[in-house]
């Protein structure tokens, strides 16, 4: 069973725990930042950037441009097959949260770190045109409490 839109937003909001500021771009990203209650930076760059994306390449390049840079950039997607072998022109992300779970961008490529209930790493690989690796700590998607 894949994650719902609301579950994706709640999981992405966990990325903001402890962040002093965040910038979001897109409806999913905006909802996650608002749910976490993380303020936009008054000036300068945010600690975390959340971006709505539809495709990400093994290099971490996503299919959206962004005017912000941050030390940690998270892509949010509703597309089950968001991992693509085709190189993208856009912002580099560090993590992707979607209906399948969570994928990290690492030097060795795209690494699955969390999966949705009843979704396996094999299921993800079958949906992806990009090669995916199973992370050593692969487990279920982290659950956010109602208040994040």
N, C-alpha and C. Protein backbone atom coordinates (compact mmCIF):
# COMPACT_ATOMS: atom_id res chain seq x y z
N UNK A 1 0.84 -1.17 0.00
CA UNK A 1 0.00 0.00 0.00
C UNK A 1 0.89 1.24 0.00
N UNK A 2 0.62 2.15 -0.89
CA UNK A 2 1.45 3.36 -0.97
C UNK A 2 0.99 4.39 0.05
N UNK A 3 1.86 5.36 0.29
CA UNK A 3 1.53 6.45 1.21
C UNK A 3 0.56 7.41 0.55
N UNK A 4 -0.36 7.93 1.32
CA UNK A 4 -1.30 8.94 0.82
C UNK A 4 -0.60 10.29 0.76
N UNK A 5 -1.26 11.24 0.13
CA UNK A 5 -0.74 12.61 0.06
C UNK A 5 -0.46 13.14 1.47
N UNK A 6 -1.41 12.95 2.39
CA UNK A 6 -1.24 13.44 3.77
C UNK A 6 -0.09 12.73 4.49
N UNK A 7 0.09 11.45 4.24
CA UNK A 7 1.20 10.72 4.86
C UNK A 7 2.54 11.21 4.31
N UNK A 8 2.60 11.52 3.03
CA UNK A 8 3.82 12.06 2.44
C UNK A 8 4.15 13.40 3.09
N UNK A 9 3.15 14.24 3.26
CA UNK A 9 3.35 15.54 3.89
C UNK A 9 3.83 15.37 5.33
N UNK A 10 3.19 14.48 6.09
CA UNK A 10 3.61 14.26 7.49
C UNK A 10 5.04 13.72 7.55
N UNK A 11 5.40 12.79 6.64
CA UNK A 11 6.76 12.24 6.66
C UNK A 11 7.77 13.33 6.30
N UNK A 12 7.44 14.16 5.33
CA UNK A 12 8.35 15.25 4.94
C UNK A 12 8.51 16.25 6.08
N UNK A 13 7.45 16.48 6.84
CA UNK A 13 7.53 17.42 7.97
C UNK A 13 8.56 16.95 8.99
N UNK A 14 8.78 15.64 9.10
CA UNK A 14 9.81 15.12 10.01
C UNK A 14 11.21 15.60 9.64
N UNK A 15 11.42 15.92 8.38
CA UNK A 15 12.72 16.41 7.92
C UNK A 15 13.04 17.78 8.51
N UNK A 16 12.02 18.44 9.03
CA UNK A 16 12.20 19.80 9.56
C UNK A 16 12.39 19.84 11.07
N UNK A 17 12.31 18.70 11.73
CA UNK A 17 12.49 18.67 13.18
C UNK A 17 13.87 19.21 13.52
N UNK A 18 13.91 20.22 14.35
CA UNK A 18 15.16 20.83 14.77
C UNK A 18 15.72 21.88 13.82
N UNK A 19 15.09 22.05 12.65
CA UNK A 19 15.57 23.06 11.68
C UNK A 19 15.15 24.45 12.13
N UNK A 20 16.07 25.38 12.10
CA UNK A 20 15.77 26.76 12.49
C UNK A 20 14.89 27.45 11.47
N UNK A 21 15.05 27.07 10.19
CA UNK A 21 14.26 27.69 9.13
C UNK A 21 14.17 26.75 7.94
N UNK A 22 13.17 26.98 7.12
CA UNK A 22 12.99 26.16 5.92
C UNK A 22 12.32 26.99 4.85
N UNK A 23 12.61 26.65 3.62
CA UNK A 23 11.94 27.27 2.49
C UNK A 23 11.24 26.15 1.74
N UNK A 24 10.03 26.40 1.26
CA UNK A 24 9.30 25.38 0.53
C UNK A 24 8.86 25.92 -0.81
N UNK A 25 8.71 24.98 -1.76
CA UNK A 25 8.33 25.35 -3.13
C UNK A 25 7.39 24.27 -3.65
N UNK A 26 6.11 24.61 -3.76
CA UNK A 26 5.11 23.67 -4.25
C UNK A 26 4.09 23.34 -3.17
N UNK A 27 2.91 22.88 -3.56
CA UNK A 27 1.84 22.63 -2.59
C UNK A 27 2.17 21.58 -1.54
N UNK A 28 2.80 20.47 -1.91
CA UNK A 28 3.16 19.45 -0.92
C UNK A 28 4.19 20.00 0.06
N UNK A 29 5.23 20.63 -0.49
CA UNK A 29 6.30 21.19 0.33
C UNK A 29 5.77 22.28 1.26
N UNK A 30 4.91 23.15 0.74
CA UNK A 30 4.32 24.21 1.57
C UNK A 30 3.53 23.61 2.73
N UNK A 31 2.75 22.57 2.45
CA UNK A 31 1.93 21.93 3.48
C UNK A 31 2.81 21.29 4.55
N UNK A 32 3.91 20.66 4.15
CA UNK A 32 4.82 20.03 5.11
C UNK A 32 5.48 21.08 6.00
N UNK A 33 5.94 22.18 5.40
CA UNK A 33 6.59 23.23 6.20
C UNK A 33 5.60 23.84 7.18
N UNK A 34 4.37 24.10 6.72
CA UNK A 34 3.35 24.66 7.60
C UNK A 34 2.99 23.69 8.72
N UNK A 35 2.87 22.41 8.39
CA UNK A 35 2.54 21.43 9.42
C UNK A 35 3.63 21.37 10.49
N UNK A 36 4.88 21.46 10.08
CA UNK A 36 5.99 21.43 11.02
C UNK A 36 6.10 22.73 11.81
N UNK A 37 5.52 23.81 11.28
CA UNK A 37 5.60 25.10 11.95
C UNK A 37 6.98 25.73 11.85
N UNK A 38 7.74 25.34 10.86
CA UNK A 38 9.10 25.86 10.68
C UNK A 38 9.03 27.16 9.89
N UNK A 39 9.59 28.24 10.43
CA UNK A 39 9.50 29.53 9.74
C UNK A 39 10.42 29.62 8.53
N UNK A 40 10.03 30.49 7.59
CA UNK A 40 10.92 30.84 6.47
C UNK A 40 12.02 31.71 7.06
N UNK A 41 13.23 31.67 6.50
CA UNK A 41 14.30 32.52 7.04
C UNK A 41 14.01 33.99 6.79
N UNK A 42 14.31 34.82 7.77
CA UNK A 42 14.12 36.27 7.62
C UNK A 42 15.06 36.79 6.53
N UNK A 43 16.25 36.28 6.52
CA UNK A 43 17.22 36.62 5.48
C UNK A 43 18.22 35.48 5.38
N UNK A 44 18.91 35.40 4.28
CA UNK A 44 19.87 34.31 4.08
C UNK A 44 19.21 33.02 3.63
N UNK A 45 19.99 31.99 3.61
CA UNK A 45 19.50 30.70 3.13
C UNK A 45 18.94 29.87 4.29
N UNK A 46 17.93 29.05 4.00
CA UNK A 46 17.33 28.21 5.03
C UNK A 46 18.21 27.00 5.36
N UNK A 47 17.94 26.39 6.50
CA UNK A 47 18.64 25.16 6.87
C UNK A 47 18.18 24.01 5.99
N UNK A 48 16.88 23.99 5.66
CA UNK A 48 16.29 22.90 4.87
C UNK A 48 15.43 23.51 3.76
N UNK A 49 15.48 22.89 2.60
CA UNK A 49 14.59 23.29 1.50
C UNK A 49 13.73 22.08 1.15
N UNK A 50 12.43 22.32 0.99
CA UNK A 50 11.48 21.29 0.55
C UNK A 50 10.98 21.70 -0.82
N UNK A 51 11.01 20.76 -1.78
CA UNK A 51 10.60 21.06 -3.15
C UNK A 51 9.69 19.98 -3.68
N UNK A 52 8.63 20.35 -4.36
CA UNK A 52 7.81 19.39 -5.09
C UNK A 52 8.55 19.02 -6.37
N UNK A 53 8.71 17.72 -6.62
CA UNK A 53 9.39 17.23 -7.82
C UNK A 53 8.57 16.10 -8.43
N UNK A 54 8.84 15.78 -9.69
CA UNK A 54 8.22 14.60 -10.29
C UNK A 54 9.26 13.59 -10.74
N UNK A 55 10.50 14.00 -10.94
CA UNK A 55 11.57 13.09 -11.37
C UNK A 55 12.88 13.45 -10.68
N UNK A 56 13.65 12.41 -10.34
CA UNK A 56 14.99 12.62 -9.79
C UNK A 56 15.92 11.57 -10.40
N UNK A 57 17.10 12.00 -10.77
CA UNK A 57 18.11 11.14 -11.39
C UNK A 57 19.02 10.55 -10.31
N UNK A 58 19.78 9.51 -10.63
CA UNK A 58 20.71 8.94 -9.65
C UNK A 58 21.70 9.94 -9.07
N UNK A 59 21.99 11.01 -9.80
CA UNK A 59 22.89 12.05 -9.30
C UNK A 59 22.21 12.95 -8.27
N UNK A 60 20.88 12.83 -8.16
CA UNK A 60 20.12 13.69 -7.26
C UNK A 60 19.52 14.90 -7.94
N UNK A 61 19.81 15.09 -9.23
CA UNK A 61 19.24 16.22 -9.95
C UNK A 61 17.75 15.98 -10.15
N UNK A 62 16.95 16.94 -9.69
CA UNK A 62 15.50 16.86 -9.81
C UNK A 62 15.04 17.71 -10.99
N UNK A 63 13.81 17.52 -11.38
CA UNK A 63 13.29 18.18 -12.58
C UNK A 63 12.72 19.57 -12.32
N UNK A 64 13.09 20.19 -11.21
CA UNK A 64 12.61 21.55 -10.92
C UNK A 64 13.77 22.45 -10.58
N UNK A 65 13.73 23.68 -11.05
CA UNK A 65 14.74 24.64 -10.62
C UNK A 65 14.34 25.21 -9.26
N UNK A 66 15.29 25.68 -8.53
CA UNK A 66 14.99 26.32 -7.25
C UNK A 66 15.89 27.53 -7.09
N UNK A 67 15.34 28.58 -6.52
CA UNK A 67 16.10 29.80 -6.30
C UNK A 67 16.82 29.76 -4.96
N UNK A 68 16.64 28.68 -4.20
CA UNK A 68 17.25 28.61 -2.88
C UNK A 68 18.24 27.47 -2.78
N UNK A 69 19.22 27.65 -1.94
CA UNK A 69 20.13 26.57 -1.61
C UNK A 69 20.02 26.35 -0.11
N UNK A 70 20.25 25.15 0.30
CA UNK A 70 20.16 24.82 1.72
C UNK A 70 21.15 23.70 1.99
N UNK A 71 21.45 23.48 3.26
CA UNK A 71 22.37 22.39 3.58
C UNK A 71 21.70 21.03 3.41
N UNK A 72 20.37 20.97 3.39
CA UNK A 72 19.62 19.72 3.22
C UNK A 72 18.42 20.03 2.34
N UNK A 73 18.29 19.34 1.21
CA UNK A 73 17.17 19.58 0.29
C UNK A 73 16.39 18.28 0.11
N UNK A 74 15.09 18.37 0.33
CA UNK A 74 14.21 17.21 0.26
C UNK A 74 13.19 17.42 -0.85
N UNK A 75 13.07 16.44 -1.73
CA UNK A 75 12.06 16.45 -2.77
C UNK A 75 10.84 15.67 -2.31
N UNK A 76 9.66 16.15 -2.66
CA UNK A 76 8.41 15.46 -2.36
C UNK A 76 7.72 15.16 -3.68
N UNK A 77 7.17 13.96 -3.79
CA UNK A 77 6.51 13.58 -5.04
C UNK A 77 5.30 12.70 -4.77
N UNK A 78 4.35 12.77 -5.67
CA UNK A 78 3.20 11.87 -5.64
C UNK A 78 3.38 10.75 -6.66
N UNK A 79 4.48 10.77 -7.41
CA UNK A 79 4.73 9.79 -8.47
C UNK A 79 5.44 8.56 -7.90
N UNK A 80 4.87 7.40 -8.09
CA UNK A 80 5.48 6.17 -7.60
C UNK A 80 6.78 5.88 -8.34
N UNK A 81 6.85 6.29 -9.61
CA UNK A 81 8.02 6.02 -10.44
C UNK A 81 8.91 7.25 -10.61
N UNK A 82 9.11 8.00 -9.54
CA UNK A 82 9.84 9.26 -9.63
C UNK A 82 11.34 9.09 -9.88
N UNK A 83 11.91 7.92 -9.59
CA UNK A 83 13.34 7.70 -9.81
C UNK A 83 13.56 7.35 -11.27
N UNK A 84 14.37 8.13 -11.94
CA UNK A 84 14.55 7.99 -13.38
C UNK A 84 16.02 7.88 -13.74
N UNK A 85 16.31 7.03 -14.72
CA UNK A 85 17.70 6.90 -15.18
C UNK A 85 18.12 8.11 -16.01
N UNK A 86 17.14 8.82 -16.58
CA UNK A 86 17.45 9.99 -17.40
C UNK A 86 17.94 11.13 -16.50
N UNK A 87 19.01 11.78 -16.92
CA UNK A 87 19.54 12.90 -16.15
C UNK A 87 18.56 14.07 -16.23
N UNK A 88 18.41 14.78 -15.16
CA UNK A 88 17.48 15.90 -15.08
C UNK A 88 18.27 17.21 -15.03
N UNK A 89 17.63 18.28 -15.41
CA UNK A 89 18.22 19.61 -15.30
C UNK A 89 17.46 20.34 -14.21
N UNK A 90 18.09 20.55 -13.10
CA UNK A 90 17.41 21.24 -12.01
C UNK A 90 18.22 21.15 -10.73
N UNK A 91 17.55 21.38 -9.65
CA UNK A 91 18.17 21.41 -8.34
C UNK A 91 18.55 20.01 -7.87
N UNK A 92 19.67 19.92 -7.18
CA UNK A 92 20.07 18.63 -6.61
C UNK A 92 19.40 18.47 -5.25
N UNK A 93 18.78 17.30 -5.04
CA UNK A 93 18.17 17.01 -3.75
C UNK A 93 19.00 15.97 -3.01
N UNK A 94 18.81 15.90 -1.70
CA UNK A 94 19.51 14.93 -0.86
C UNK A 94 18.63 13.74 -0.52
N UNK A 95 17.31 13.95 -0.53
CA UNK A 95 16.36 12.91 -0.13
C UNK A 95 15.08 13.10 -0.92
N UNK A 96 14.41 11.98 -1.22
CA UNK A 96 13.12 12.00 -1.92
C UNK A 96 12.11 11.27 -1.06
N UNK A 97 10.96 11.92 -0.80
CA UNK A 97 9.86 11.32 -0.05
C UNK A 97 8.68 11.21 -0.99
N UNK A 98 8.15 10.00 -1.12
CA UNK A 98 7.04 9.79 -2.04
C UNK A 98 6.13 8.68 -1.58
N UNK A 99 5.22 8.24 -2.44
CA UNK A 99 4.24 7.23 -2.05
C UNK A 99 4.86 5.87 -1.76
N UNK A 100 6.07 5.65 -2.21
CA UNK A 100 6.78 4.38 -2.02
C UNK A 100 7.57 4.35 -0.73
N UNK A 101 7.94 5.52 -0.21
CA UNK A 101 8.78 5.62 0.97
C UNK A 101 9.80 6.73 0.83
N UNK A 102 11.04 6.45 1.21
CA UNK A 102 12.09 7.46 1.24
C UNK A 102 13.35 6.91 0.57
N UNK A 103 13.92 7.74 -0.31
CA UNK A 103 15.15 7.38 -1.02
C UNK A 103 16.18 8.49 -0.77
N UNK A 104 17.39 8.09 -0.40
CA UNK A 104 18.49 9.04 -0.22
C UNK A 104 19.36 9.05 -1.46
N UNK A 105 19.91 10.22 -1.76
CA UNK A 105 20.88 10.36 -2.85
C UNK A 105 22.26 10.27 -2.20
N UNK A 106 23.00 9.24 -2.59
CA UNK A 106 24.33 8.97 -2.03
C UNK A 106 25.34 8.91 -3.16
N UNK A 107 26.63 8.96 -2.85
CA UNK A 107 27.64 8.88 -3.91
C UNK A 107 27.48 7.64 -4.79
N UNK A 108 27.01 6.54 -4.20
CA UNK A 108 26.84 5.31 -4.98
C UNK A 108 25.53 5.27 -5.76
N UNK A 109 24.65 6.25 -5.57
CA UNK A 109 23.39 6.31 -6.31
C UNK A 109 22.20 6.51 -5.40
N UNK A 110 21.04 6.06 -5.85
CA UNK A 110 19.79 6.20 -5.10
C UNK A 110 19.63 5.01 -4.16
N UNK A 111 19.51 5.31 -2.86
CA UNK A 111 19.46 4.27 -1.83
C UNK A 111 18.11 4.33 -1.12
N UNK A 112 17.39 3.22 -1.15
CA UNK A 112 16.09 3.14 -0.47
C UNK A 112 16.36 2.99 1.03
N UNK A 113 15.81 3.91 1.83
CA UNK A 113 16.03 3.85 3.27
C UNK A 113 14.77 3.55 4.06
N UNK A 114 13.60 3.84 3.50
CA UNK A 114 12.33 3.54 4.15
C UNK A 114 11.32 3.16 3.07
N UNK A 115 10.49 2.17 3.37
CA UNK A 115 9.46 1.75 2.41
C UNK A 115 8.08 1.82 3.06
N UNK A 116 7.08 2.07 2.23
CA UNK A 116 5.69 2.09 2.69
C UNK A 116 5.27 0.66 3.02
N UNK A 117 4.23 0.54 3.80
CA UNK A 117 3.67 -0.75 4.17
C UNK A 117 3.33 -1.57 2.92
N UNK A 118 3.75 -2.81 2.89
CA UNK A 118 3.50 -3.73 1.78
C UNK A 118 4.19 -3.33 0.47
N UNK A 119 5.21 -2.50 0.55
CA UNK A 119 6.04 -2.15 -0.60
C UNK A 119 7.43 -2.68 -0.31
N UNK A 120 8.02 -3.37 -1.25
CA UNK A 120 9.37 -3.90 -1.05
C UNK A 120 10.37 -3.14 -1.92
N UNK A 121 11.63 -3.31 -1.61
CA UNK A 121 12.69 -2.71 -2.44
C UNK A 121 12.58 -3.25 -3.86
N UNK A 122 12.22 -4.50 -4.00
CA UNK A 122 12.04 -5.10 -5.33
C UNK A 122 10.91 -4.40 -6.09
N UNK A 123 9.78 -4.12 -5.40
CA UNK A 123 8.67 -3.39 -6.03
C UNK A 123 9.15 -2.05 -6.58
N UNK A 124 9.94 -1.35 -5.77
CA UNK A 124 10.45 -0.04 -6.19
C UNK A 124 11.35 -0.17 -7.41
N UNK A 125 12.23 -1.16 -7.41
CA UNK A 125 13.14 -1.33 -8.54
C UNK A 125 12.35 -1.62 -9.81
N UNK A 126 11.28 -2.39 -9.70
CA UNK A 126 10.46 -2.71 -10.87
C UNK A 126 9.76 -1.47 -11.43
N UNK A 127 9.48 -0.48 -10.60
CA UNK A 127 8.82 0.75 -11.03
C UNK A 127 9.79 1.80 -11.54
N UNK A 128 11.06 1.64 -11.23
CA UNK A 128 12.08 2.65 -11.51
C UNK A 128 12.89 2.31 -12.75
N UNK A 129 13.23 3.33 -13.53
CA UNK A 129 14.17 3.11 -14.63
C UNK A 129 15.61 3.33 -14.15
N UNK A 130 15.76 3.91 -12.96
CA UNK A 130 17.09 4.12 -12.37
C UNK A 130 17.42 2.94 -11.46
N UNK A 131 18.69 2.57 -11.39
CA UNK A 131 19.05 1.51 -10.44
C UNK A 131 18.89 2.02 -9.01
N UNK A 132 18.33 1.18 -8.16
CA UNK A 132 18.12 1.53 -6.75
C UNK A 132 18.87 0.53 -5.88
N UNK A 133 19.42 1.00 -4.79
CA UNK A 133 20.11 0.15 -3.83
C UNK A 133 19.29 0.11 -2.54
N UNK A 134 19.30 -1.01 -1.85
CA UNK A 134 18.64 -1.11 -0.56
C UNK A 134 19.65 -0.71 0.51
N UNK A 135 19.28 0.28 1.33
CA UNK A 135 20.18 0.74 2.37
C UNK A 135 20.31 -0.29 3.49
N UNK A 136 21.43 -0.25 4.23
CA UNK A 136 21.66 -1.24 5.28
C UNK A 136 20.63 -1.17 6.41
N UNK A 137 20.05 -0.02 6.62
CA UNK A 137 19.06 0.13 7.68
C UNK A 137 17.64 0.19 7.14
N UNK A 138 17.40 -0.40 5.96
CA UNK A 138 16.10 -0.34 5.31
C UNK A 138 15.01 -0.78 6.27
N UNK A 139 13.98 0.07 6.39
CA UNK A 139 12.87 -0.24 7.29
C UNK A 139 11.62 0.48 6.85
N UNK A 140 10.58 0.39 7.67
CA UNK A 140 9.32 1.05 7.32
C UNK A 140 9.42 2.57 7.42
N UNK A 141 8.53 3.24 6.75
CA UNK A 141 8.47 4.70 6.79
C UNK A 141 8.24 5.15 8.23
N UNK A 142 9.00 6.16 8.65
CA UNK A 142 8.83 6.73 9.99
C UNK A 142 7.45 7.38 10.07
N UNK A 143 6.83 7.21 11.18
CA UNK A 143 5.51 7.80 11.40
C UNK A 143 5.65 9.11 12.17
N UNK A 144 4.91 10.09 11.71
CA UNK A 144 4.87 11.37 12.42
C UNK A 144 3.66 11.37 13.34
N UNK A 145 3.82 11.93 14.53
CA UNK A 145 2.65 12.10 15.39
C UNK A 145 1.79 13.18 14.77
N UNK A 146 0.61 13.32 15.23
CA UNK A 146 -0.32 14.30 14.66
C UNK A 146 0.23 15.73 14.69
N UNK A 147 1.00 16.08 15.69
CA UNK A 147 1.58 17.42 15.77
C UNK A 147 2.90 17.53 15.06
N UNK A 148 3.30 16.53 14.33
CA UNK A 148 4.56 16.32 13.60
C UNK A 148 5.49 15.51 14.39
